[in-house]
Amino acid sequence: MAIEVVRGASRRPSGFTLIELVVVMVLLGVLSAYVAPRYGGETAITGRGFFDELLQTTRFAQKLAVASGCEVLVDYSAGGYAVWQPSTTVQCGQGGGATFDTAVAGFDEGTLRGVAPAGVTVAASSDVMFLPSGGANVTATVIVAGHSFRVHAATGYVERL
């Protein structure tokens, strides 16, 4: 039996090296981490964003009531929210007897209201009226996309739960 030695022609074994396999696995991991939430979790992401918006709007309404010396009503509905005040200062300080007929101006030249994204609903135990003292007329819990906050009547504190 003779052993044949071939010079000049290198035989490369077929298959992938360990480094090539690791690089491909890392690239697939990064790609899946970036792409998967875009398709599977869009409602969860937009729901969380809308929850944060509603939480900050409710806190702003409480501060507006204190700063303006007039009641502010946050009207929650399944499809969104709107923030209202009485049209005249004569009605301020009347609490539930005031007529809330003026939409509070928003930050983008519109009114302070929001519409829930598709697939997201707002569940509130009650609308909340903030008083000039900073308190609220009721203790209310608001739930949006599995996240919730509570408005405490005595202090008007808006607590993320």
Protein backbone atom coordinates (compact mmCIF):
# COMPACT_ATOMS: atom_id res chain seq x y z
CA MET A 1 0.00 0.00 0.00
CA ALA A 2 1.40 3.29 -1.05
CA ILE A 3 0.68 6.68 0.42
CA GLU A 4 0.29 9.34 -2.13
CA VAL A 5 1.31 12.90 -1.25
CA VAL A 6 -0.20 15.66 -3.31
CA ARG A 7 1.69 18.92 -3.30
CA GLY A 8 0.31 22.29 -4.36
CA ALA A 9 -3.33 21.35 -4.13
CA SER A 10 -4.81 22.08 -0.69
CA ARG A 11 -7.93 20.25 0.27
CA ARG A 12 -10.30 22.41 2.28
CA PRO A 13 -12.73 20.41 4.34
CA SER A 14 -16.38 21.14 3.61
CA GLY A 15 -18.62 22.79 6.25
CA PHE A 16 -18.52 25.90 8.42
CA THR A 17 -15.96 26.94 10.97
CA LEU A 18 -16.94 27.65 14.56
CA ILE A 19 -16.35 31.38 14.06
CA GLU A 20 -18.66 31.47 11.05
CA LEU A 21 -21.41 29.70 12.99
CA VAL A 22 -21.10 32.07 15.98
CA VAL A 23 -21.22 35.16 13.74
CA VAL A 24 -24.36 33.91 11.98
CA MET A 25 -26.05 33.11 15.30
CA VAL A 26 -25.25 36.57 16.67
CA LEU A 27 -26.59 38.25 13.54
CA LEU A 28 -29.79 36.21 13.68
CA GLY A 29 -30.24 37.07 17.36
CA VAL A 30 -29.82 40.80 16.74
CA LEU A 31 -32.14 40.68 13.74
CA SER A 32 -34.85 38.79 15.60
CA ALA A 33 -34.65 41.15 18.59
CA TYR A 34 -35.20 44.08 16.24
CA VAL A 35 -37.87 42.60 13.96
CA ALA A 36 -39.99 40.49 16.35
CA PRO A 37 -41.49 43.39 18.38
CA ARG A 38 -42.44 45.16 15.17
CA TYR A 39 -44.79 42.38 14.17
CA GLY A 40 -45.91 40.71 17.38
CA GLY A 41 -46.06 43.51 19.92
CA GLU A 42 -47.31 46.59 18.13
CA THR A 43 -50.49 46.88 20.21
CA ALA A 44 -48.52 46.44 23.42
CA ILE A 45 -46.08 49.18 22.46
CA THR A 46 -48.72 51.66 21.32
CA GLY A 47 -50.87 50.79 24.34
CA ARG A 48 -48.00 51.60 26.71
CA GLY A 49 -47.35 54.86 24.89
CA PHE A 50 -51.01 55.87 25.13
CA PHE A 51 -51.06 54.91 28.83
CA ASP A 52 -48.07 57.19 29.49
CA GLU A 53 -49.75 60.00 27.55
CA LEU A 54 -52.97 59.64 29.54
CA LEU A 55 -51.11 59.47 32.85
CA GLN A 56 -49.19 62.69 32.12
CA THR A 57 -52.33 64.44 30.85
CA THR A 58 -54.16 63.58 34.08
CA ARG A 59 -51.25 64.94 36.13
CA PHE A 60 -51.24 68.10 34.00
CA ALA A 61 -54.99 68.55 34.57
CA GLN A 62 -54.46 68.45 38.33
CA LYS A 63 -51.72 71.08 38.12
CA LEU A 64 -53.85 73.23 35.79
CA ALA A 65 -56.70 73.24 38.32
CA VAL A 66 -54.35 74.49 41.04
CA ALA A 67 -52.66 77.08 38.79
CA SER A 68 -55.86 78.46 37.25
CA GLY A 69 -57.98 78.34 40.40
CA CYS A 70 -60.73 76.68 38.42
CA GLU A 71 -61.97 73.10 38.19
CA VAL A 72 -60.68 70.83 35.43
CA LEU A 73 -62.58 67.76 34.25
CA VAL A 74 -60.84 64.77 32.68
CA ASP A 75 -63.46 62.89 30.67
CA TYR A 76 -62.41 59.27 30.10
CA SER A 77 -64.14 57.15 27.46
CA ALA A 78 -63.36 53.75 25.96
CA GLY A 79 -61.97 55.45 22.87
CA GLY A 80 -59.82 58.11 24.55
CA TYR A 81 -60.03 61.19 26.76
CA ALA A 82 -60.73 64.93 26.74
CA VAL A 83 -59.91 67.69 29.24
CA TRP A 84 -62.49 70.41 29.96
CA GLN A 85 -62.92 73.59 32.04
CA PRO A 86 -65.88 75.93 32.66
CA SER A 87 -66.21 78.64 30.01
CA THR A 88 -66.27 81.53 32.47
CA THR A 89 -64.52 82.31 35.73
CA VAL A 90 -67.96 82.95 37.24
CA GLN A 91 -68.51 79.19 37.23
CA CYS A 92 -65.16 78.44 38.88
CA GLY A 93 -65.39 77.15 42.42
CA GLN A 94 -68.84 75.64 41.94
CA GLY A 95 -67.52 72.08 41.80
CA GLY A 96 -70.07 69.74 40.25
CA GLY A 97 -72.42 72.64 39.54
CA ALA A 98 -70.12 74.08 36.88
CA THR A 99 -70.73 73.53 33.18
CA PHE A 100 -67.62 72.09 31.57
CA ASP A 101 -67.98 73.38 28.03
CA THR A 102 -64.52 74.66 27.11
CA ALA A 103 -61.87 72.25 25.88
CA VAL A 104 -58.46 72.87 27.41
CA ALA A 105 -55.92 73.99 24.84
CA GLY A 106 -53.28 71.41 24.00
CA PHE A 107 -49.62 71.84 23.26
CA ASP A 108 -49.94 71.67 19.48
CA GLU A 109 -52.50 74.46 18.96
CA GLY A 110 -55.35 71.95 19.29
CA THR A 111 -57.35 70.79 22.26
CA LEU A 112 -56.08 68.52 25.00
CA ARG A 113 -57.66 65.25 23.96
CA GLY A 114 -56.47 61.90 22.76
CA VAL A 115 -57.84 59.02 20.74
CA ALA A 116 -56.80 55.51 21.71
CA PRO A 117 -54.85 53.62 19.03
CA ALA A 118 -56.49 50.66 17.30
CA GLY A 119 -56.82 47.72 19.66
CA VAL A 120 -56.38 49.85 22.80
CA THR A 121 -59.26 50.80 25.13
CA VAL A 122 -59.52 52.97 28.21
CA ALA A 123 -61.39 51.62 31.24
CA ALA A 124 -62.02 54.18 33.99
CA SER A 125 -64.09 53.79 37.13
CA SER A 126 -65.18 57.42 36.83
CA ASP A 127 -64.39 60.74 35.19
CA VAL A 128 -62.24 62.94 37.44
CA MET A 129 -62.82 66.58 38.33
CA PHE A 130 -59.81 68.29 39.88
CA LEU A 131 -60.60 71.10 42.31
CA PRO A 132 -58.64 74.36 42.71
CA SER A 133 -57.34 72.98 46.03
CA GLY A 134 -55.60 70.18 44.09
CA GLY A 135 -57.90 67.41 45.30
CA ALA A 136 -60.31 65.44 43.15
CA ASN A 137 -64.04 64.82 43.43
CA VAL A 138 -63.61 60.99 43.44
CA THR A 139 -60.99 58.30 43.78
CA ALA A 140 -60.77 56.71 40.35
CA THR A 141 -58.75 53.95 38.72
CA VAL A 142 -57.89 54.07 35.03
CA ILE A 143 -56.67 51.02 33.07
CA VAL A 144 -55.08 51.14 29.63
CA ALA A 145 -53.52 48.10 27.92
CA GLY A 146 -52.87 46.28 31.18
CA HIS A 147 -51.31 49.32 32.90
CA SER A 148 -53.18 51.33 35.50
CA PHE A 149 -53.09 54.45 37.65
CA ARG A 150 -55.25 55.80 40.46
CA VAL A 151 -56.33 59.35 41.26
CA HIS A 152 -56.73 59.90 45.02
CA ALA A 153 -59.65 62.13 45.97
CA ALA A 154 -58.18 63.75 49.08
CA THR A 155 -54.95 64.97 47.49
CA GLY A 156 -55.45 64.65 43.75
CA TYR A 157 -52.28 62.58 43.63
CA VAL A 158 -52.03 60.52 40.42
CA GLU A 159 -50.34 57.24 41.36
CA ARG A 160 -49.00 54.75 38.84
CA LEU A 161 -49.96 51.25 39.98
